[in-house]
């Protein structure tokens, strides 16, 4: 199914309404997950994730402004889907529930599991055939993580997804320019391109989100770990090709 089909599915689902966020609070949701509730499915998110994975697999092999724009488009649609379904409120409730149950340090100290990250990355093209190296598991300093956690608790995630899409669109344009002059290798621009600093900030946020979304806390999100990991690796690959 193409991105355009995904857009039509998205529009239709907004009209008819999605059941994902209806009923129950974060604590009830946690209890249901602990009791072995089946994985949540959503056709819109499933299509957007499929498009994201396709873009990431492409970027793992070669630079592509087209794949970068596809990833940006998927993130924009994901943000719009979230805004129409009170997604930010649910994210904030879930994180506050973690703080209430386990303490704030549970958020600040949480990191992604390296083995699980490597396995997820392999499914996204980061294997022996990948031209882009597998990035290390994100590990920000305590102050950075605290700032990100504070932002997530206050604002949720959809606005960040939109800003990330904007940054990726800028990257896609830069990659198109580089493609017209590149003969071999890449042109390093990290010290002169302000866009690199912007994208690094977004990677920091994605790294923390990945650690949270791959925990059992966000069981109510369709494919939470795959979504976060796809976004993280896609941004990493796009900026690696760009030279950041």
C-alpha atoms as a PDB file:
ATOM      1  CA  UNK A   1       0.000   0.000   0.000  1.00  0.00           C
ATOM      2  CA  UNK A   2       1.406   3.402  -0.895  1.00  0.00           C
ATOM      3  CA  UNK A   3       1.770   6.527   1.205  1.00  0.00           C
ATOM      4  CA  UNK A   4      -1.216   8.016  -0.622  1.00  0.00           C
ATOM      5  CA  UNK A   5      -3.398   5.074   0.348  1.00  0.00           C
ATOM      6  CA  UNK A   6      -2.215   5.580   3.911  1.00  0.00           C
ATOM      7  CA  UNK A   7      -3.356   9.199   3.747  1.00  0.00           C
ATOM      8  CA  UNK A   8      -6.848   8.110   2.641  1.00  0.00           C
ATOM      9  CA  UNK A   9      -7.030   5.573   5.458  1.00  0.00           C
ATOM     10  CA  UNK A  10      -5.965   8.308   7.871  1.00  0.00           C
ATOM     11  CA  UNK A  11      -8.648  10.730   6.709  1.00  0.00           C
ATOM     12  CA  UNK A  12     -11.316   8.057   6.903  1.00  0.00           C
ATOM     13  CA  UNK A  13     -10.307   7.045  10.388  1.00  0.00           C
ATOM     14  CA  UNK A  14     -10.502  10.631  11.631  1.00  0.00           C
ATOM     15  CA  UNK A  15     -14.058  10.843  10.347  1.00  0.00           C
ATOM     16  CA  UNK A  16     -15.196   7.555  11.819  1.00  0.00           C
ATOM     17  CA  UNK A  17     -13.201   7.754  15.039  1.00  0.00           C
ATOM     18  CA  UNK A  18     -10.581   5.340  16.377  1.00  0.00           C
ATOM     19  CA  UNK A  19     -11.109   3.073  19.369  1.00  0.00           C
ATOM     20  CA  UNK A  20      -7.512   3.144  20.567  1.00  0.00           C
ATOM     21  CA  UNK A  21      -7.815   5.900  23.140  1.00  0.00           C
ATOM     22  CA  UNK A  22     -11.386   5.316  24.253  1.00  0.00           C
ATOM     23  CA  UNK A  23     -12.012   4.249  27.850  1.00  0.00           C
ATOM     24  CA  UNK A  24      -9.780   3.548  30.810  1.00  0.00           C
ATOM     25  CA  UNK A  25      -6.986   5.505  32.452  1.00  0.00           C
ATOM     26  CA  UNK A  26      -3.273   4.870  32.482  1.00  0.00           C
ATOM     27  CA  UNK A  27      -3.394   2.801  35.669  1.00  0.00           C
ATOM     28  CA  UNK A  28      -6.203   0.607  34.369  1.00  0.00           C
ATOM     29  CA  UNK A  29      -4.322   0.203  31.103  1.00  0.00           C
ATOM     30  CA  UNK A  30      -1.222  -0.928  32.982  1.00  0.00           C
ATOM     31  CA  UNK A  31      -3.232  -3.482  34.897  1.00  0.00           C
ATOM     32  CA  UNK A  32      -4.765  -4.813  31.696  1.00  0.00           C
ATOM     33  CA  UNK A  33      -1.333  -5.165  30.091  1.00  0.00           C
ATOM     34  CA  UNK A  34      -0.007  -6.982  33.136  1.00  0.00           C
ATOM     35  CA  UNK A  35      -2.891  -9.377  32.748  1.00  0.00           C
ATOM     36  CA  UNK A  36      -1.757 -10.328  29.249  1.00  0.00           C
ATOM     37  CA  UNK A  37      -3.879  -8.103  27.010  1.00  0.00           C
ATOM     38  CA  UNK A  38      -3.174  -8.689  23.306  1.00  0.00           C
ATOM     39  CA  UNK A  39      -1.119  -6.186  21.336  1.00  0.00           C
ATOM     40  CA  UNK A  40      -3.077  -3.125  20.219  1.00  0.00           C
ATOM     41  CA  UNK A  41      -3.662  -2.884  16.473  1.00  0.00           C
ATOM     42  CA  UNK A  42      -4.541   0.200  14.440  1.00  0.00           C
ATOM     43  CA  UNK A  43      -4.708   0.283  10.611  1.00  0.00           C
ATOM     44  CA  UNK A  44      -3.507   3.889  10.338  1.00  0.00           C
ATOM     45  CA  UNK A  45      -0.453   3.412  12.520  1.00  0.00           C
ATOM     46  CA  UNK A  46       0.288   0.077  10.870  1.00  0.00           C
ATOM     47  CA  UNK A  47       0.402   1.734   7.441  1.00  0.00           C
ATOM     48  CA  UNK A  48       2.494   4.666   8.648  1.00  0.00           C
ATOM     49  CA  UNK A  49       4.917   2.270  10.328  1.00  0.00           C
ATOM     50  CA  UNK A  50       5.199   0.213   7.138  1.00  0.00           C
ATOM     51  CA  UNK A  51       6.028   3.382   5.192  1.00  0.00           C
ATOM     52  CA  UNK A  52       8.567   4.440   7.826  1.00  0.00           C
ATOM     53  CA  UNK A  53      10.255   1.043   7.744  1.00  0.00           C
ATOM     54  CA  UNK A  54      10.495   1.128   3.970  1.00  0.00           C
ATOM     55  CA  UNK A  55      12.104   4.574   4.105  1.00  0.00           C
ATOM     56  CA  UNK A  56      14.556   3.532   6.819  1.00  0.00           C
ATOM     57  CA  UNK A  57      15.590   0.383   4.960  1.00  0.00           C
ATOM     58  CA  UNK A  58      16.264   2.494   1.895  1.00  0.00           C
ATOM     59  CA  UNK A  59      18.315   5.025   3.854  1.00  0.00           C
ATOM     60  CA  UNK A  60      20.371   2.263   5.453  1.00  0.00           C
ATOM     61  CA  UNK A  61      21.663   1.379   1.976  1.00  0.00           C
ATOM     62  CA  UNK A  62      22.039   4.684   0.147  1.00  0.00           C
ATOM     63  CA  UNK A  63      21.421   8.435   0.481  1.00  0.00           C
ATOM     64  CA  UNK A  64      17.982   9.456  -0.711  1.00  0.00           C
ATOM     65  CA  UNK A  65      16.091  12.698  -0.457  1.00  0.00           C
ATOM     66  CA  UNK A  66      12.984  10.772  -1.528  1.00  0.00           C
ATOM     67  CA  UNK A  67      13.202   8.301   1.367  1.00  0.00           C
ATOM     68  CA  UNK A  68      13.923  11.148   3.772  1.00  0.00           C
ATOM     69  CA  UNK A  69      10.797  12.973   2.631  1.00  0.00           C
ATOM     70  CA  UNK A  70       8.765   9.780   2.963  1.00  0.00           C
ATOM     71  CA  UNK A  71       9.905   9.464   6.569  1.00  0.00           C
ATOM     72  CA  UNK A  72       9.045  13.123   7.179  1.00  0.00           C
ATOM     73  CA  UNK A  73       5.592  12.646   5.641  1.00  0.00           C
ATOM     74  CA  UNK A  74       4.903   9.633   7.848  1.00  0.00           C
ATOM     75  CA  UNK A  75       5.888  11.583  10.958  1.00  0.00           C
ATOM     76  CA  UNK A  76       3.626  14.480   9.979  1.00  0.00           C
ATOM     77  CA  UNK A  77       0.693  12.129   9.532  1.00  0.00           C
ATOM     78  CA  UNK A  78       1.519  10.371  12.789  1.00  0.00           C
ATOM     79  CA  UNK A  79       1.501  13.726  14.554  1.00  0.00           C
ATOM     80  CA  UNK A  80      -1.867  14.636  13.016  1.00  0.00           C
ATOM     81  CA  UNK A  81      -3.284  11.228  13.982  1.00  0.00           C
ATOM     82  CA  UNK A  82      -2.048  11.744  17.534  1.00  0.00           C
ATOM     83  CA  UNK A  83      -3.501  15.244  17.780  1.00  0.00           C
ATOM     84  CA  UNK A  84      -6.918  13.954  16.690  1.00  0.00           C
ATOM     85  CA  UNK A  85      -6.850  11.206  19.330  1.00  0.00           C
ATOM     86  CA  UNK A  86      -5.644  13.043  22.443  1.00  0.00           C
ATOM     87  CA  UNK A  87      -2.374  11.142  22.161  1.00  0.00           C
ATOM     88  CA  UNK A  88      -0.301  13.705  24.077  1.00  0.00           C
ATOM     89  CA  UNK A  89      -2.655  13.587  27.052  1.00  0.00           C
ATOM     90  CA  UNK A  90      -2.399   9.800  27.135  1.00  0.00           C
ATOM     91  CA  UNK A  91       1.410   9.931  26.919  1.00  0.00           C
ATOM     92  CA  UNK A  92       1.589  12.393  29.808  1.00  0.00           C
ATOM     93  CA  UNK A  93      -0.830  10.315  31.900  1.00  0.00           C
ATOM     94  CA  UNK A  94       1.254   7.197  31.263  1.00  0.00           C
ATOM     95  CA  UNK A  95       4.513   8.870  32.285  1.00  0.00           C
ATOM     96  CA  UNK A  96       2.922  10.372  35.379  1.00  0.00           C
ATOM     97  CA  UNK A  97       1.649   6.914  36.245  1.00  0.00           C
ATOM     98  CA  UNK A  98       5.215   5.577  36.024  1.00  0.00           C
ATOM     99  CA  UNK A  99       6.395   8.344  38.353  1.00  0.00           C
ATOM    100  CA  UNK A 100       3.601   7.545  40.822  1.00  0.00           C
ATOM    101  CA  UNK A 101       4.368   3.805  40.797  1.00  0.00           C
ATOM    102  CA  UNK A 102       8.130   3.716  40.406  1.00  0.00           C
ATOM    103  CA  UNK A 103       9.427   7.218  41.099  1.00  0.00           C
ATOM    104  CA  UNK A 104      10.842   9.870  38.802  1.00  0.00           C
ATOM    105  CA  UNK A 105      14.209   8.134  38.662  1.00  0.00           C
ATOM    106  CA  UNK A 106      12.573   5.289  36.751  1.00  0.00           C
ATOM    107  CA  UNK A 107      12.201   7.730  33.863  1.00  0.00           C
ATOM    108  CA  UNK A 108      15.544   9.439  34.235  1.00  0.00           C
ATOM    109  CA  UNK A 109      17.524   6.201  34.476  1.00  0.00           C
ATOM    110  CA  UNK A 110      15.678   4.202  31.826  1.00  0.00           C
ATOM    111  CA  UNK A 111      17.784   3.222  28.805  1.00  0.00           C
ATOM    112  CA  UNK A 112      17.099   1.090  25.760  1.00  0.00           C
ATOM    113  CA  UNK A 113      18.187  -2.543  25.902  1.00  0.00           C
ATOM    114  CA  UNK A 114      21.200  -2.925  23.543  1.00  0.00           C
ATOM    115  CA  UNK A 115      20.302  -6.454  22.412  1.00  0.00           C
ATOM    116  CA  UNK A 116      16.682  -5.537  21.690  1.00  0.00           C
ATOM    117  CA  UNK A 117      17.812  -2.404  19.872  1.00  0.00           C
ATOM    118  CA  UNK A 118      20.211  -4.389  17.696  1.00  0.00           C
ATOM    119  CA  UNK A 119      17.502  -6.930  16.847  1.00  0.00           C
ATOM    120  CA  UNK A 120      15.004  -4.197  15.931  1.00  0.00           C
ATOM    121  CA  UNK A 121      17.657  -2.429  13.857  1.00  0.00           C
ATOM    122  CA  UNK A 122      18.455  -5.605  11.943  1.00  0.00           C
ATOM    123  CA  UNK A 123      14.843  -5.791  10.761  1.00  0.00           C
ATOM    124  CA  UNK A 124      15.206  -2.210   9.512  1.00  0.00           C
ATOM    125  CA  UNK A 125      18.186  -2.933   7.290  1.00  0.00           C
ATOM    126  CA  UNK A 126      20.998  -2.244   9.737  1.00  0.00           C
ATOM    127  CA  UNK A 127      22.803  -5.515   9.183  1.00  0.00           C
ATOM    128  CA  UNK A 128      25.781  -6.721   7.160  1.00  0.00           C
ATOM    129  CA  UNK A 129      24.288  -5.214   4.009  1.00  0.00           C
ATOM    130  CA  UNK A 130      23.898  -1.737   5.481  1.00  0.00           C
ATOM    131  CA  UNK A 131      26.151   1.073   4.292  1.00  0.00           C
ATOM    132  CA  UNK A 132      25.285   3.122   7.381  1.00  0.00           C
ATOM    133  CA  UNK A 133      26.840   1.995  10.672  1.00  0.00           C
ATOM    134  CA  UNK A 134      24.544   1.014  13.502  1.00  0.00           C
ATOM    135  CA  UNK A 135      24.494   3.898  15.974  1.00  0.00           C
ATOM    136  CA  UNK A 136      25.158   3.279  19.645  1.00  0.00           C
ATOM    137  CA  UNK A 137      22.189   3.087  21.958  1.00  0.00           C
ATOM    138  CA  UNK A 138      21.358   6.646  22.913  1.00  0.00           C
ATOM    139  CA  UNK A 139      22.851   7.621  26.265  1.00  0.00           C
ATOM    140  CA  UNK A 140      22.390  11.297  27.095  1.00  0.00           C
ATOM    141  CA  UNK A 141      23.787  12.956  30.188  1.00  0.00           C
ATOM    142  CA  UNK A 142      21.540  13.259  33.212  1.00  0.00           C
ATOM    143  CA  UNK A 143      20.797  16.968  32.717  1.00  0.00           C
ATOM    144  CA  UNK A 144      19.764  16.427  29.091  1.00  0.00           C
ATOM    145  CA  UNK A 145      17.537  13.506  30.016  1.00  0.00           C
ATOM    146  CA  UNK A 146      15.912  15.550  32.782  1.00  0.00           C
ATOM    147  CA  UNK A 147      15.167  18.359  30.339  1.00  0.00           C
ATOM    148  CA  UNK A 148      13.653  15.914  27.867  1.00  0.00           C
ATOM    149  CA  UNK A 149      11.567  14.175  30.531  1.00  0.00           C
ATOM    150  CA  UNK A 150      10.265  17.533  31.723  1.00  0.00           C
ATOM    151  CA  UNK A 151       9.266  18.408  28.164  1.00  0.00           C
ATOM    152  CA  UNK A 152       7.514  15.061  27.636  1.00  0.00           C
ATOM    153  CA  UNK A 153       5.596  15.428  30.888  1.00  0.00           C
ATOM    154  CA  UNK A 154       4.538  18.963  29.974  1.00  0.00           C
ATOM    155  CA  UNK A 155       3.922  18.701  26.241  1.00  0.00           C
ATOM    156  CA  UNK A 156       3.781  15.099  25.060  1.00  0.00           C
ATOM    157  CA  UNK A 157       5.285  14.070  21.718  1.00  0.00           C
ATOM    158  CA  UNK A 158       3.262  15.178  18.681  1.00  0.00           C
ATOM    159  CA  UNK A 159       4.775  18.660  18.446  1.00  0.00           C
ATOM    160  CA  UNK A 160       8.217  17.057  18.466  1.00  0.00           C
ATOM    161  CA  UNK A 161       7.208  14.728  15.651  1.00  0.00           C
ATOM    162  CA  UNK A 162       6.160  17.755  13.588  1.00  0.00           C
ATOM    163  CA  UNK A 163       9.444  19.564  14.255  1.00  0.00           C
ATOM    164  CA  UNK A 164      11.323  16.400  13.385  1.00  0.00           C
ATOM    165  CA  UNK A 165       9.461  16.183  10.071  1.00  0.00           C
ATOM    166  CA  UNK A 166      10.445  19.782   9.331  1.00  0.00           C
ATOM    167  CA  UNK A 167      14.101  19.009  10.085  1.00  0.00           C
ATOM    168  CA  UNK A 168      13.984  15.951   7.832  1.00  0.00           C
ATOM    169  CA  UNK A 169      12.545  17.968   4.964  1.00  0.00           C
ATOM    170  CA  UNK A 170      15.481  20.369   5.276  1.00  0.00           C
ATOM    171  CA  UNK A 171      17.811  17.387   5.275  1.00  0.00           C
ATOM    172  CA  UNK A 172      16.150  15.974   2.157  1.00  0.00           C
ATOM    173  CA  UNK A 173      16.805  19.232   0.302  1.00  0.00           C
ATOM    174  CA  UNK A 174      20.421  19.233   1.469  1.00  0.00           C
ATOM    175  CA  UNK A 175      20.851  15.619   0.364  1.00  0.00           C
ATOM    176  CA  UNK A 176      19.459  16.479  -3.067  1.00  0.00           C
ATOM    177  CA  UNK A 177      22.052  19.244  -3.407  1.00  0.00           C
ATOM    178  CA  UNK A 178      24.844  16.941  -2.289  1.00  0.00           C
ATOM    179  CA  UNK A 179      23.728  14.230  -4.700  1.00  0.00           C
ATOM    180  CA  UNK A 180      24.292  16.580  -7.630  1.00  0.00           C
ATOM    181  CA  UNK A 181      27.957  17.096  -6.734  1.00  0.00           C
ATOM    182  CA  UNK A 182      28.961  13.974  -4.813  1.00  0.00           C
ATOM    183  CA  UNK A 183      31.220  11.586  -6.701  1.00  0.00           C
ATOM    184  CA  UNK A 184      32.561   9.513  -3.826  1.00  0.00           C
ATOM    185  CA  UNK A 185      32.056   9.566  -0.049  1.00  0.00           C
ATOM    186  CA  UNK A 186      30.236  12.348   1.785  1.00  0.00           C
ATOM    187  CA  UNK A 187      30.888  15.998   2.498  1.00  0.00           C
ATOM    188  CA  UNK A 188      31.326  16.736   6.181  1.00  0.00           C
ATOM    189  CA  UNK A 189      29.181  19.709   7.187  1.00  0.00           C
ATOM    190  CA  UNK A 190      28.703  19.281  10.925  1.00  0.00           C
ATOM    191  CA  UNK A 191      30.826  22.291  11.883  1.00  0.00           C
ATOM    192  CA  UNK A 192      29.247  24.721   9.424  1.00  0.00           C
ATOM    193  CA  UNK A 193      25.663  23.546   8.982  1.00  0.00           C
ATOM    194  CA  UNK A 194      23.291  24.799  11.731  1.00  0.00           C
ATOM    195  CA  UNK A 195      20.798  22.146  10.695  1.00  0.00           C
ATOM    196  CA  UNK A 196      23.074  19.489  12.176  1.00  0.00           C
ATOM    197  CA  UNK A 197      22.715  20.933  15.662  1.00  0.00           C
ATOM    198  CA  UNK A 198      18.921  20.984  15.249  1.00  0.00           C
ATOM    199  CA  UNK A 199      18.781  17.376  14.147  1.00  0.00           C
ATOM    200  CA  UNK A 200      21.064  16.285  16.980  1.00  0.00           C
ATOM    201  CA  UNK A 201      18.607  17.763  19.458  1.00  0.00           C
ATOM    202  CA  UNK A 202      15.823  15.772  17.834  1.00  0.00           C
ATOM    203  CA  UNK A 203      17.932  12.610  18.037  1.00  0.00           C
ATOM    204  CA  UNK A 204      18.377  13.193  21.765  1.00  0.00           C
ATOM    205  CA  UNK A 205      14.608  13.339  22.181  1.00  0.00           C
ATOM    206  CA  UNK A 206      14.087  10.260  20.034  1.00  0.00           C
ATOM    207  CA  UNK A 207      16.652   8.331  22.046  1.00  0.00           C
ATOM    208  CA  UNK A 208      14.785   8.980  25.284  1.00  0.00           C
ATOM    209  CA  UNK A 209      11.443   8.226  23.630  1.00  0.00           C
ATOM    210  CA  UNK A 210      12.850   4.948  22.329  1.00  0.00           C
ATOM    211  CA  UNK A 211      13.914   3.922  25.832  1.00  0.00           C
ATOM    212  CA  UNK A 212      10.421   4.687  27.149  1.00  0.00           C
ATOM    213  CA  UNK A 213       8.438   3.234  24.260  1.00  0.00           C
ATOM    214  CA  UNK A 214      10.370  -0.024  24.306  1.00  0.00           C
ATOM    215  CA  UNK A 215       9.471  -0.405  27.981  1.00  0.00           C
ATOM    216  CA  UNK A 216       6.123  -2.051  28.845  1.00  0.00           C
ATOM    217  CA  UNK A 217       4.673   1.311  29.849  1.00  0.00           C
ATOM    218  CA  UNK A 218       3.325   2.163  26.387  1.00  0.00           C
ATOM    219  CA  UNK A 219       1.628  -1.130  25.633  1.00  0.00           C
ATOM    220  CA  UNK A 220      -1.458   0.777  24.466  1.00  0.00           C
ATOM    221  CA  UNK A 221       0.404   2.309  21.520  1.00  0.00           C
ATOM    222  CA  UNK A 222       0.373   0.177  18.347  1.00  0.00           C
ATOM    223  CA  UNK A 223       3.947  -1.095  17.796  1.00  0.00           C
ATOM    224  CA  UNK A 224       5.524   1.491  20.140  1.00  0.00           C
ATOM    225  CA  UNK A 225       9.085   0.159  20.065  1.00  0.00           C
ATOM    226  CA  UNK A 226       9.089  -0.240  16.274  1.00  0.00           C
ATOM    227  CA  UNK A 227       7.764   3.305  15.804  1.00  0.00           C
ATOM    228  CA  UNK A 228      10.386   4.887  18.050  1.00  0.00           C
ATOM    229  CA  UNK A 229      13.250   2.792  16.686  1.00  0.00           C
ATOM    230  CA  UNK A 230      12.252   3.430  13.062  1.00  0.00           C
ATOM    231  CA  UNK A 231      12.209   7.184  13.656  1.00  0.00           C
ATOM    232  CA  UNK A 232      15.529   7.104  15.500  1.00  0.00           C
ATOM    233  CA  UNK A 233      17.350   5.027  12.883  1.00  0.00           C
ATOM    234  CA  UNK A 234      15.810   6.912   9.983  1.00  0.00           C
ATOM    235  CA  UNK A 235      16.971  10.251  11.338  1.00  0.00           C
ATOM    236  CA  UNK A 236      20.380   8.804  12.163  1.00  0.00           C
ATOM    237  CA  UNK A 237      20.807   7.439   8.625  1.00  0.00           C
ATOM    238  CA  UNK A 238      19.603  10.615   6.915  1.00  0.00           C
ATOM    239  CA  UNK A 239      22.002  12.758   8.901  1.00  0.00           C
ATOM    240  CA  UNK A 240      24.867  10.294   8.448  1.00  0.00           C
ATOM    241  CA  UNK A 241      24.488  10.599   4.691  1.00  0.00           C
ATOM    242  CA  UNK A 242      24.182  14.345   5.021  1.00  0.00           C
ATOM    243  CA  UNK A 243      27.451  14.446   6.908  1.00  0.00           C
ATOM    244  CA  UNK A 244      26.306  15.545  10.365  1.00  0.00           C
END
